[in-house]
Amino acid sequence: MSNNQTEAEFTKHVNTKFRLLAESPRPIDLTLISVTPRKIEPHEQAGMERFSAVFMGPSNIFLPQQTYRVSHPEMGEFDIFLVALGQEPEGFRYEAVYNYYRED
């Protein structure tokens, strides 16, 4: 887990573009549209950071569930596991869920 892939860091970049570094005929950009913290339940282990990042992609390209390499001007390059949430008029919506121990 890279130190820059935190809830706070993603939140700073809502409404910015993340470019998929995939083998495709043209670049694909995803826009980060929301970051949602996930509450730690009483039965879950403390010291975890849990959040989801939701992206909007183009309407003419569907990305299957898998890990993608992305690039962002400020966050750099990293891998992200995306799951499709559904199609909307403006494009496909994808979610990346993060669960990891905080480095305090």
PDB file of N, CA and C in Angstrom:
ATOM      1  N   MET A   1       0.849  -1.180   0.000  1.00  0.00           N
ATOM      2  CA  MET A   1       0.000   0.000   0.000  1.00  0.00           C
ATOM      3  C   MET A   1       0.888   1.234   0.000  1.00  0.00           C
ATOM      4  N   SER A   2       0.683   2.051  -0.969  1.00  0.00           N
ATOM      5  CA  SER A   2       1.445   3.293  -1.070  1.00  0.00           C
ATOM      6  C   SER A   2       0.874   4.331  -0.111  1.00  0.00           C
ATOM      7  N   ASN A   3       1.746   5.146   0.456  1.00  0.00           N
ATOM      8  CA  ASN A   3       1.300   6.163   1.408  1.00  0.00           C
ATOM      9  C   ASN A   3       0.363   7.188   0.787  1.00  0.00           C
ATOM     10  N   ASN A   4       0.384   7.325  -0.545  1.00  0.00           N
ATOM     11  CA  ASN A   4      -0.469   8.347  -1.146  1.00  0.00           C
ATOM     12  C   ASN A   4      -1.866   7.827  -1.484  1.00  0.00           C
ATOM     13  N   GLN A   5      -2.136   6.546  -1.264  1.00  0.00           N
ATOM     14  CA  GLN A   5      -3.460   6.010  -1.554  1.00  0.00           C
ATOM     15  C   GLN A   5      -4.292   5.951  -0.274  1.00  0.00           C
ATOM     16  N   THR A   6      -4.548   7.123   0.289  1.00  0.00           N
ATOM     17  CA  THR A   6      -5.330   7.220   1.518  1.00  0.00           C
ATOM     18  C   THR A   6      -6.655   7.903   1.215  1.00  0.00           C
ATOM     19  N   GLU A   7      -7.576   7.799   2.155  1.00  0.00           N
ATOM     20  CA  GLU A   7      -8.865   8.478   1.992  1.00  0.00           C
ATOM     21  C   GLU A   7      -8.656   9.982   1.820  1.00  0.00           C
ATOM     22  N   ALA A   8      -7.777  10.558   2.636  1.00  0.00           N
ATOM     23  CA  ALA A   8      -7.530  12.005   2.570  1.00  0.00           C
ATOM     24  C   ALA A   8      -6.950  12.402   1.215  1.00  0.00           C
ATOM     25  N   GLU A   9      -6.030  11.597   0.693  1.00  0.00           N
ATOM     26  CA  GLU A   9      -5.397  11.926  -0.588  1.00  0.00           C
ATOM     27  C   GLU A   9      -6.395  11.818  -1.732  1.00  0.00           C
ATOM     28  N   PHE A  10      -7.181  10.744  -1.755  1.00  0.00           N
ATOM     29  CA  PHE A  10      -8.191  10.619  -2.808  1.00  0.00           C
ATOM     30  C   PHE A  10      -9.206  11.758  -2.710  1.00  0.00           C
ATOM     31  N   THR A  11      -9.613  12.113  -1.503  1.00  0.00           N
ATOM     32  CA  THR A  11     -10.608  13.179  -1.313  1.00  0.00           C
ATOM     33  C   THR A  11     -10.118  14.498  -1.910  1.00  0.00           C
ATOM     34  N   LYS A  12      -8.812  14.764  -1.805  1.00  0.00           N
ATOM     35  CA  LYS A  12      -8.249  15.996  -2.377  1.00  0.00           C
ATOM     36  C   LYS A  12      -8.401  16.039  -3.891  1.00  0.00           C
ATOM     37  N   HIS A  13      -8.590  14.877  -4.511  1.00  0.00           N
ATOM     38  CA  HIS A  13      -8.585  14.801  -5.970  1.00  0.00           C
ATOM     39  C   HIS A  13      -9.941  14.415  -6.571  1.00  0.00           C
ATOM     40  N   VAL A  14     -11.019  14.605  -5.804  1.00  0.00           N
ATOM     41  CA  VAL A  14     -12.356  14.393  -6.358  1.00  0.00           C
ATOM     42  C   VAL A  14     -12.541  15.369  -7.527  1.00  0.00           C
ATOM     43  N   ASN A  15     -13.197  14.899  -8.574  1.00  0.00           N
ATOM     44  CA  ASN A  15     -13.450  15.661  -9.814  1.00  0.00           C
ATOM     45  C   ASN A  15     -12.192  15.873 -10.653  1.00  0.00           C
ATOM     46  N   THR A  16     -11.174  15.032 -10.452  1.00  0.00           N
ATOM     47  CA  THR A  16     -10.007  15.070 -11.330  1.00  0.00           C
ATOM     48  C   THR A  16      -9.925  13.751 -12.091  1.00  0.00           C
ATOM     49  N   LYS A  17      -9.091  13.742 -13.126  1.00  0.00           N
ATOM     50  CA  LYS A  17      -9.003  12.582 -14.014  1.00  0.00           C
ATOM     51  C   LYS A  17      -7.828  11.679 -13.664  1.00  0.00           C
ATOM     52  N   PHE A  18      -8.103  10.375 -13.763  1.00  0.00           N
ATOM     53  CA  PHE A  18      -7.107   9.327 -13.601  1.00  0.00           C
ATOM     54  C   PHE A  18      -7.028   8.603 -14.936  1.00  0.00           C
ATOM     55  N   ARG A  19      -5.836   8.511 -15.510  1.00  0.00           N
ATOM     56  CA  ARG A  19      -5.668   7.890 -16.825  1.00  0.00           C
ATOM     57  C   ARG A  19      -5.301   6.415 -16.674  1.00  0.00           C
ATOM     58  N   LEU A  20      -6.055   5.555 -17.349  1.00  0.00           N
ATOM     59  CA  LEU A  20      -5.724   4.137 -17.376  1.00  0.00           C
ATOM     60  C   LEU A  20      -4.547   3.913 -18.300  1.00  0.00           C
ATOM     61  N   LEU A  21      -3.553   3.200 -17.804  1.00  0.00           N
ATOM     62  CA  LEU A  21      -2.375   2.882 -18.600  1.00  0.00           C
ATOM     63  C   LEU A  21      -2.548   1.462 -19.126  1.00  0.00           C
ATOM     64  N   ALA A  22      -3.493   1.293 -20.022  1.00  0.00           N
ATOM     65  CA  ALA A  22      -3.842  -0.025 -20.534  1.00  0.00           C
ATOM     66  C   ALA A  22      -3.429  -0.141 -21.985  1.00  0.00           C
ATOM     67  N   GLU A  23      -3.388  -1.392 -22.446  1.00  0.00           N
ATOM     68  CA  GLU A  23      -3.119  -1.601 -23.860  1.00  0.00           C
ATOM     69  C   GLU A  23      -4.421  -1.398 -24.620  1.00  0.00           C
ATOM     70  N   SER A  24      -4.674  -0.192 -25.000  1.00  0.00           N
ATOM     71  CA  SER A  24      -5.881   0.110 -25.762  1.00  0.00           C
ATOM     72  C   SER A  24      -5.505   1.088 -26.870  1.00  0.00           C
ATOM     73  N   PRO A  25      -6.359   1.176 -27.877  1.00  0.00           N
ATOM     74  CA  PRO A  25      -6.023   2.056 -29.001  1.00  0.00           C
ATOM     75  C   PRO A  25      -5.929   3.536 -28.612  1.00  0.00           C
ATOM     76  N   ARG A  26      -6.613   3.921 -27.542  1.00  0.00           N
ATOM     77  CA  ARG A  26      -6.528   5.316 -27.126  1.00  0.00           C
ATOM     78  C   ARG A  26      -6.602   5.392 -25.605  1.00  0.00           C
ATOM     79  N   PRO A  27      -6.102   6.475 -25.027  1.00  0.00           N
ATOM     80  CA  PRO A  27      -6.133   6.588 -23.556  1.00  0.00           C
ATOM     81  C   PRO A  27      -7.573   6.626 -23.037  1.00  0.00           C
ATOM     82  N   ILE A  28      -7.746   6.067 -21.852  1.00  0.00           N
ATOM     83  CA  ILE A  28      -9.054   6.078 -21.193  1.00  0.00           C
ATOM     84  C   ILE A  28      -8.897   6.851 -19.894  1.00  0.00           C
ATOM     85  N   ASP A  29      -9.728   7.874 -19.713  1.00  0.00           N
ATOM     86  CA  ASP A  29      -9.707   8.653 -18.476  1.00  0.00           C
ATOM     87  C   ASP A  29     -10.926   8.322 -17.638  1.00  0.00           C
ATOM     88  N   LEU A  30     -10.700   8.179 -16.338  1.00  0.00           N
ATOM     89  CA  LEU A  30     -11.775   8.011 -15.364  1.00  0.00           C
ATOM     90  C   LEU A  30     -11.779   9.244 -14.483  1.00  0.00           C
ATOM     91  N   THR A  31     -12.956   9.738 -14.133  1.00  0.00           N
ATOM     92  CA  THR A  31     -13.065  10.885 -13.232  1.00  0.00           C
ATOM     93  C   THR A  31     -13.465  10.378 -11.853  1.00  0.00           C
ATOM     94  N   LEU A  32     -12.696  10.756 -10.850  1.00  0.00           N
ATOM     95  CA  LEU A  32     -13.039  10.407  -9.467  1.00  0.00           C
ATOM     96  C   LEU A  32     -14.226  11.272  -9.057  1.00  0.00           C
ATOM     97  N   ILE A  33     -15.372  10.637  -8.765  1.00  0.00           N
ATOM     98  CA  ILE A  33     -16.568  11.421  -8.469  1.00  0.00           C
ATOM     99  C   ILE A  33     -16.943  11.434  -6.989  1.00  0.00           C
ATOM    100  N   SER A  34     -16.442  10.457  -6.207  1.00  0.00           N
ATOM    101  CA  SER A  34     -16.728  10.508  -4.768  1.00  0.00           C
ATOM    102  C   SER A  34     -15.784   9.602  -3.996  1.00  0.00           C
ATOM    103  N   VAL A  35     -15.590   9.959  -2.730  1.00  0.00           N
ATOM    104  CA  VAL A  35     -14.818   9.148  -1.795  1.00  0.00           C
ATOM    105  C   VAL A  35     -15.677   9.020  -0.541  1.00  0.00           C
ATOM    106  N   THR A  36     -15.937   7.777  -0.136  1.00  0.00           N
ATOM    107  CA  THR A  36     -16.839   7.536   0.991  1.00  0.00           C
ATOM    108  C   THR A  36     -16.137   6.712   2.061  1.00  0.00           C
ATOM    109  N   PRO A  37     -16.006   7.267   3.280  1.00  0.00           N
ATOM    110  CA  PRO A  37     -15.421   6.469   4.361  1.00  0.00           C
ATOM    111  C   PRO A  37     -16.365   5.343   4.745  1.00  0.00           C
ATOM    112  N   ARG A  38     -15.801   4.238   5.184  1.00  0.00           N
ATOM    113  CA  ARG A  38     -16.608   3.118   5.665  1.00  0.00           C
ATOM    114  C   ARG A  38     -16.382   3.000   7.165  1.00  0.00           C
ATOM    115  N   LYS A  39     -17.476   2.994   7.878  1.00  0.00           N
ATOM    116  CA  LYS A  39     -17.426   2.936   9.335  1.00  0.00           C
ATOM    117  C   LYS A  39     -16.865   1.587   9.785  1.00  0.00           C
ATOM    118  N   ILE A  40     -16.036   1.633  10.812  1.00  0.00           N
ATOM    119  CA  ILE A  40     -15.514   0.396  11.385  1.00  0.00           C
ATOM    120  C   ILE A  40     -16.559  -0.129  12.371  1.00  0.00           C
ATOM    121  N   GLU A  41     -17.005  -1.341  12.123  1.00  0.00           N
ATOM    122  CA  GLU A  41     -18.032  -1.966  12.972  1.00  0.00           C
ATOM    123  C   GLU A  41     -17.386  -2.476  14.256  1.00  0.00           C
ATOM    124  N   PRO A  42     -18.189  -2.609  15.334  1.00  0.00           N
ATOM    125  CA  PRO A  42     -17.632  -3.050  16.622  1.00  0.00           C
ATOM    126  C   PRO A  42     -16.900  -4.396  16.547  1.00  0.00           C
ATOM    127  N   HIS A  43     -17.349  -5.295  15.679  1.00  0.00           N
ATOM    128  CA  HIS A  43     -16.722  -6.619  15.586  1.00  0.00           C
ATOM    129  C   HIS A  43     -15.476  -6.625  14.702  1.00  0.00           C
ATOM    130  N   GLU A  44     -15.165  -5.493  14.076  1.00  0.00           N
ATOM    131  CA  GLU A  44     -14.008  -5.432  13.190  1.00  0.00           C
ATOM    132  C   GLU A  44     -12.778  -4.916  13.930  1.00  0.00           C
ATOM    133  N   GLN A  45     -11.628  -5.244  13.395  1.00  0.00           N
ATOM    134  CA  GLN A  45     -10.371  -4.866  14.019  1.00  0.00           C
ATOM    135  C   GLN A  45     -10.137  -3.353  13.923  1.00  0.00           C
ATOM    136  N   ALA A  46      -9.650  -2.774  14.990  1.00  0.00           N
ATOM    137  CA  ALA A  46      -9.338  -1.340  15.004  1.00  0.00           C
ATOM    138  C   ALA A  46      -8.041  -1.091  14.241  1.00  0.00           C
ATOM    139  N   GLY A  47      -7.784   0.183  13.934  1.00  0.00           N
ATOM    140  CA  GLY A  47      -6.552   0.556  13.265  1.00  0.00           C
ATOM    141  C   GLY A  47      -6.596   0.397  11.761  1.00  0.00           C
ATOM    142  N   MET A  48      -7.796   0.202  11.228  1.00  0.00           N
ATOM    143  CA  MET A  48      -7.946   0.025   9.783  1.00  0.00           C
ATOM    144  C   MET A  48      -8.467   1.307   9.154  1.00  0.00           C
ATOM    145  N   GLU A  49      -8.040   1.571   7.939  1.00  0.00           N
ATOM    146  CA  GLU A  49      -8.646   2.634   7.133  1.00  0.00           C
ATOM    147  C   GLU A  49      -9.481   1.932   6.079  1.00  0.00           C
ATOM    148  N   ARG A  50     -10.749   2.339   5.975  1.00  0.00           N
ATOM    149  CA  ARG A  50     -11.668   1.708   5.029  1.00  0.00           C
ATOM    150  C   ARG A  50     -12.424   2.808   4.305  1.00  0.00           C
ATOM    151  N   PHE A  51     -12.358   2.770   2.984  1.00  0.00           N
ATOM    152  CA  PHE A  51     -13.109   3.748   2.201  1.00  0.00           C
ATOM    153  C   PHE A  51     -13.294   3.214   0.791  1.00  0.00           C
ATOM    154  N   SER A  52     -14.213   3.828   0.072  1.00  0.00           N
ATOM    155  CA  SER A  52     -14.376   3.484  -1.339  1.00  0.00           C
ATOM    156  C   SER A  52     -14.218   4.748  -2.168  1.00  0.00           C
ATOM    157  N   ALA A  53     -13.634   4.562  -3.339  1.00  0.00           N
ATOM    158  CA  ALA A  53     -13.466   5.636  -4.313  1.00  0.00           C
ATOM    159  C   ALA A  53     -14.290   5.251  -5.532  1.00  0.00           C
ATOM    160  N   VAL A  54     -15.169   6.159  -5.978  1.00  0.00           N
ATOM    161  CA  VAL A  54     -16.040   5.869  -7.119  1.00  0.00           C
ATOM    162  C   VAL A  54     -15.618   6.747  -8.295  1.00  0.00           C
ATOM    163  N   PHE A  55     -15.503   6.101  -9.443  1.00  0.00           N
ATOM    164  CA  PHE A  55     -15.048   6.752 -10.667  1.00  0.00           C
ATOM    165  C   PHE A  55     -16.128   6.662 -11.735  1.00  0.00           C
ATOM    166  N   MET A  56     -16.140   7.639 -12.636  1.00  0.00           N
ATOM    167  CA  MET A  56     -17.013   7.600 -13.810  1.00  0.00           C
ATOM    168  C   MET A  56     -16.117   7.468 -15.031  1.00  0.00           C
ATOM    169  N   GLY A  57     -16.451   6.478 -15.875  1.00  0.00           N
ATOM    170  CA  GLY A  57     -15.706   6.255 -17.100  1.00  0.00           C
ATOM    171  C   GLY A  57     -16.561   6.557 -18.315  1.00  0.00           C
ATOM    172  N   PRO A  58     -15.988   6.445 -19.500  1.00  0.00           N
ATOM    173  CA  PRO A  58     -16.737   6.742 -20.716  1.00  0.00           C
ATOM    174  C   PRO A  58     -17.889   5.757 -20.920  1.00  0.00           C
ATOM    175  N   SER A  59     -18.913   6.213 -21.643  1.00  0.00           N
ATOM    176  CA  SER A  59     -20.089   5.373 -21.869  1.00  0.00           C
ATOM    177  C   SER A  59     -19.875   4.350 -22.972  1.00  0.00           C
ATOM    178  N   ASN A  60     -18.856   4.547 -23.801  1.00  0.00           N
ATOM    179  CA  ASN A  60     -18.649   3.646 -24.938  1.00  0.00           C
ATOM    180  C   ASN A  60     -17.600   2.567 -24.669  1.00  0.00           C
ATOM    181  N   ILE A  61     -17.028   2.536 -23.455  1.00  0.00           N
ATOM    182  CA  ILE A  61     -16.015   1.537 -23.107  1.00  0.00           C
ATOM    183  C   ILE A  61     -16.368   0.947 -21.749  1.00  0.00           C
ATOM    184  N   PHE A  62     -16.561  -0.387 -21.710  1.00  0.00           N
ATOM    185  CA  PHE A  62     -16.823  -1.073 -20.444  1.00  0.00           C
ATOM    186  C   PHE A  62     -15.533  -1.727 -19.975  1.00  0.00           C
ATOM    187  N   LEU A  63     -15.155  -1.473 -18.732  1.00  0.00           N
ATOM    188  CA  LEU A  63     -13.951  -2.067 -18.159  1.00  0.00           C
ATOM    189  C   LEU A  63     -14.344  -3.247 -17.278  1.00  0.00           C
ATOM    190  N   PRO A  64     -13.885  -4.454 -17.597  1.00  0.00           N
ATOM    191  CA  PRO A  64     -14.209  -5.595 -16.746  1.00  0.00           C
ATOM    192  C   PRO A  64     -13.518  -5.494 -15.384  1.00  0.00           C
ATOM    193  N   GLN A  65     -14.058  -6.208 -14.409  1.00  0.00           N
ATOM    194  CA  GLN A  65     -13.502  -6.202 -13.055  1.00  0.00           C
ATOM    195  C   GLN A  65     -12.093  -6.772 -13.093  1.00  0.00           C
ATOM    196  N   GLN A  66     -11.122  -5.960 -12.730  1.00  0.00           N
ATOM    197  CA  GLN A  66      -9.726  -6.397 -12.656  1.00  0.00           C
ATOM    198  C   GLN A  66      -8.869  -5.261 -12.111  1.00  0.00           C
ATOM    199  N   THR A  67      -7.573  -5.519 -11.987  1.00  0.00           N
ATOM    200  CA  THR A  67      -6.616  -4.518 -11.538  1.00  0.00           C
ATOM    201  C   THR A  67      -6.101  -3.749 -12.751  1.00  0.00           C
ATOM    202  N   TYR A  68      -6.094  -2.439 -12.628  1.00  0.00           N
ATOM    203  CA  TYR A  68      -5.619  -1.557 -13.692  1.00  0.00           C
ATOM    204  C   TYR A  68      -4.499  -0.679 -13.163  1.00  0.00           C
ATOM    205  N   ARG A  69      -3.565  -0.347 -14.030  1.00  0.00           N
ATOM    206  CA  ARG A  69      -2.518   0.625 -13.703  1.00  0.00           C
ATOM    207  C   ARG A  69      -3.063   1.996 -14.093  1.00  0.00           C
ATOM    208  N   VAL A  70      -3.038   2.938 -13.157  1.00  0.00           N
ATOM    209  CA  VAL A  70      -3.527   4.278 -13.445  1.00  0.00           C
ATOM    210  C   VAL A  70      -2.442   5.305 -13.155  1.00  0.00           C
ATOM    211  N   SER A  71      -2.626   6.486 -13.746  1.00  0.00           N
ATOM    212  CA  SER A  71      -1.693   7.586 -13.536  1.00  0.00           C
ATOM    213  C   SER A  71      -2.504   8.839 -13.216  1.00  0.00           C
ATOM    214  N   HIS A  72      -2.015   9.591 -12.241  1.00  0.00           N
ATOM    215  CA  HIS A  72      -2.649  10.854 -11.856  1.00  0.00           C
ATOM    216  C   HIS A  72      -1.540  11.884 -11.716  1.00  0.00           C
ATOM    217  N   PRO A  73      -1.769  13.126 -12.176  1.00  0.00           N
ATOM    218  CA  PRO A  73      -0.697  14.137 -12.138  1.00  0.00           C
ATOM    219  C   PRO A  73      -0.094  14.362 -10.755  1.00  0.00           C
ATOM    220  N   GLU A  74      -0.885  14.225  -9.699  1.00  0.00           N
ATOM    221  CA  GLU A  74      -0.357  14.478  -8.348  1.00  0.00           C
ATOM    222  C   GLU A  74      -0.143  13.208  -7.537  1.00  0.00           C
ATOM    223  N   MET A  75      -0.954  12.173  -7.781  1.00  0.00           N
ATOM    224  CA  MET A  75      -0.835  10.942  -7.003  1.00  0.00           C
ATOM    225  C   MET A  75       0.151   9.952  -7.614  1.00  0.00           C
ATOM    226  N   GLY A  76       0.551  10.197  -8.867  1.00  0.00           N
ATOM    227  CA  GLY A  76       1.518   9.311  -9.513  1.00  0.00           C
ATOM    228  C   GLY A  76       0.864   8.088 -10.139  1.00  0.00           C
ATOM    229  N   GLU A  77       1.667   7.041 -10.338  1.00  0.00           N
ATOM    230  CA  GLU A  77       1.186   5.790 -10.926  1.00  0.00           C
ATOM    231  C   GLU A  77       0.988   4.758  -9.839  1.00  0.00           C
ATOM    232  N   PHE A  78      -0.101   3.983  -9.949  1.00  0.00           N
ATOM    233  CA  PHE A  78      -0.355   2.900  -9.010  1.00  0.00           C
ATOM    234  C   PHE A  78      -1.398   1.961  -9.594  1.00  0.00           C
ATOM    235  N   ASP A  79      -1.511   0.786  -8.985  1.00  0.00           N
ATOM    236  CA  ASP A  79      -2.507  -0.200  -9.402  1.00  0.00           C
ATOM    237  C   ASP A  79      -3.769  -0.011  -8.586  1.00  0.00           C
ATOM    238  N   ILE A  80      -4.908  -0.242  -9.248  1.00  0.00           N
ATOM    239  CA  ILE A  80      -6.196  -0.081  -8.579  1.00  0.00           C
ATOM    240  C   ILE A  80      -7.134  -1.176  -9.086  1.00  0.00           C
ATOM    241  N   PHE A  81      -7.848  -1.822  -8.166  1.00  0.00           N
ATOM    242  CA  PHE A  81      -8.795  -2.878  -8.525  1.00  0.00           C
ATOM    243  C   PHE A  81     -10.171  -2.243  -8.664  1.00  0.00           C
ATOM    244  N   LEU A  82     -10.709  -2.289  -9.880  1.00  0.00           N
ATOM    245  CA  LEU A  82     -11.992  -1.643 -10.166  1.00  0.00           C
ATOM    246  C   LEU A  82     -13.093  -2.674 -10.384  1.00  0.00           C
ATOM    247  N   VAL A  83     -14.262  -2.368  -9.833  1.00  0.00           N
ATOM    248  CA  VAL A  83     -15.462  -3.182 -10.005  1.00  0.00           C
ATOM    249  C   VAL A  83     -16.530  -2.278 -10.604  1.00  0.00           C
ATOM    250  N   ALA A  84     -17.163  -2.735 -11.663  1.00  0.00           N
ATOM    251  CA  ALA A  84     -18.230  -1.945 -12.284  1.00  0.00           C
ATOM    252  C   ALA A  84     -19.463  -1.942 -11.388  1.00  0.00           C
ATOM    253  N   LEU A  85     -20.035  -0.747 -11.183  1.00  0.00           N
ATOM    254  CA  LEU A  85     -21.261  -0.611 -10.394  1.00  0.00           C
ATOM    255  C   LEU A  85     -22.489  -0.514 -11.286  1.00  0.00           C
ATOM    256  N   GLY A  86     -22.299  -0.102 -12.533  1.00  0.00           N
ATOM    257  CA  GLY A  86     -23.432   0.010 -13.439  1.00  0.00           C
ATOM    258  C   GLY A  86     -23.224   1.102 -14.467  1.00  0.00           C
ATOM    259  N   GLN A  87     -24.166   1.152 -15.396  1.00  0.00           N
ATOM    260  CA  GLN A  87     -24.102   2.157 -16.456  1.00  0.00           C
ATOM    261  C   GLN A  87     -25.129   3.239 -16.189  1.00  0.00           C
ATOM    262  N   GLU A  88     -24.726   4.463 -16.427  1.00  0.00           N
ATOM    263  CA  GLU A  88     -25.595   5.619 -16.285  1.00  0.00           C
ATOM    264  C   GLU A  88     -25.545   6.379 -17.604  1.00  0.00           C
ATOM    265  N   PRO A  89     -26.417   7.350 -17.814  1.00  0.00           N
ATOM    266  CA  PRO A  89     -26.398   8.077 -19.089  1.00  0.00           C
ATOM    267  C   PRO A  89     -25.032   8.679 -19.416  1.00  0.00           C
ATOM    268  N   GLU A  90     -24.301   9.145 -18.402  1.00  0.00           N
ATOM    269  CA  GLU A  90     -23.007   9.795 -18.657  1.00  0.00           C
ATOM    270  C   GLU A  90     -21.841   8.818 -18.761  1.00  0.00           C
ATOM    271  N   GLY A  91     -22.047   7.558 -18.416  1.00  0.00           N
ATOM    272  CA  GLY A  91     -20.958   6.590 -18.539  1.00  0.00           C
ATOM    273  C   GLY A  91     -21.081   5.460 -17.544  1.00  0.00           C
ATOM    274  N   PHE A  92     -20.028   4.643 -17.475  1.00  0.00           N
ATOM    275  CA  PHE A  92     -19.988   3.530 -16.527  1.00  0.00           C
ATOM    276  C   PHE A  92     -19.386   4.012 -15.204  1.00  0.00           C
ATOM    277  N   ARG A  93     -19.964   3.536 -14.117  1.00  0.00           N
ATOM    278  CA  ARG A  93     -19.498   3.884 -12.770  1.00  0.00           C
ATOM    279  C   ARG A  93     -18.719   2.691 -12.214  1.00  0.00           C
ATOM    280  N   TYR A  94     -17.555   2.979 -11.610  1.00  0.00           N
ATOM    281  CA  TYR A  94     -16.676   1.942 -11.061  1.00  0.00           C
ATOM    282  C   TYR A  94     -16.317   2.275  -9.619  1.00  0.00           C
ATOM    283  N   GLU A  95     -16.044   1.228  -8.840  1.00  0.00           N
ATOM    284  CA  GLU A  95     -15.673   1.439  -7.445  1.00  0.00           C
ATOM    285  C   GLU A  95     -14.375   0.709  -7.136  1.00  0.00           C
ATOM    286  N   ALA A  96     -13.540   1.362  -6.339  1.00  0.00           N
ATOM    287  CA  ALA A  96     -12.344   0.743  -5.760  1.00  0.00           C
ATOM    288  C   ALA A  96     -12.525   0.810  -4.242  1.00  0.00           C
ATOM    289  N   VAL A  97     -12.410  -0.336  -3.565  1.00  0.00           N
ATOM    290  CA  VAL A  97     -12.592  -0.393  -2.117  1.00  0.00           C
ATOM    291  C   VAL A  97     -11.231  -0.611  -1.469  1.00  0.00           C
ATOM    292  N   TYR A  98     -10.945   0.203  -0.461  1.00  0.00           N
ATOM    293  CA  TYR A  98      -9.680   0.110   0.261  1.00  0.00           C
ATOM    294  C   TYR A  98      -9.933  -0.315   1.694  1.00  0.00           C
ATOM    295  N   ASN A  99      -9.178  -1.311   2.150  1.00  0.00           N
ATOM    296  CA  ASN A  99      -9.161  -1.771   3.541  1.00  0.00           C
ATOM    297  C   ASN A  99      -7.700  -2.049   3.878  1.00  0.00           C
ATOM    298  N   TYR A 100      -7.127  -1.278   4.773  1.00  0.00           N
ATOM    299  CA  TYR A 100      -5.734  -1.526   5.119  1.00  0.00           C
ATOM    300  C   TYR A 100      -5.442  -0.941   6.501  1.00  0.00           C
ATOM    301  N   TYR A 101      -4.359  -1.442   7.108  1.00  0.00           N
ATOM    302  CA  TYR A 101      -3.937  -0.926   8.406  1.00  0.00           C
ATOM    303  C   TYR A 101      -3.285   0.429   8.236  1.00  0.00           C
ATOM    304  N   ARG A 102      -3.704   1.383   9.041  1.00  0.00           N
ATOM    305  CA  ARG A 102      -3.090   2.713   9.021  1.00  0.00           C
ATOM    306  C   ARG A 102      -1.688   2.627   9.602  1.00  0.00           C
ATOM    307  N   GLU A 103      -0.811   3.438   9.043  1.00  0.00           N
ATOM    308  CA  GLU A 103       0.547   3.545   9.576  1.00  0.00           C
ATOM    309  C   GLU A 103       0.604   4.791  10.437  1.00  0.00           C
ATOM    310  N   ASP A 104       0.306   4.640  11.710  1.00  0.00           N
ATOM    311  CA  ASP A 104       0.256   5.807  12.607  1.00  0.00           C
ATOM    312  C   ASP A 104       1.619   6.155  13.162  1.00  0.00           C
TER     313      ASP A 104
END
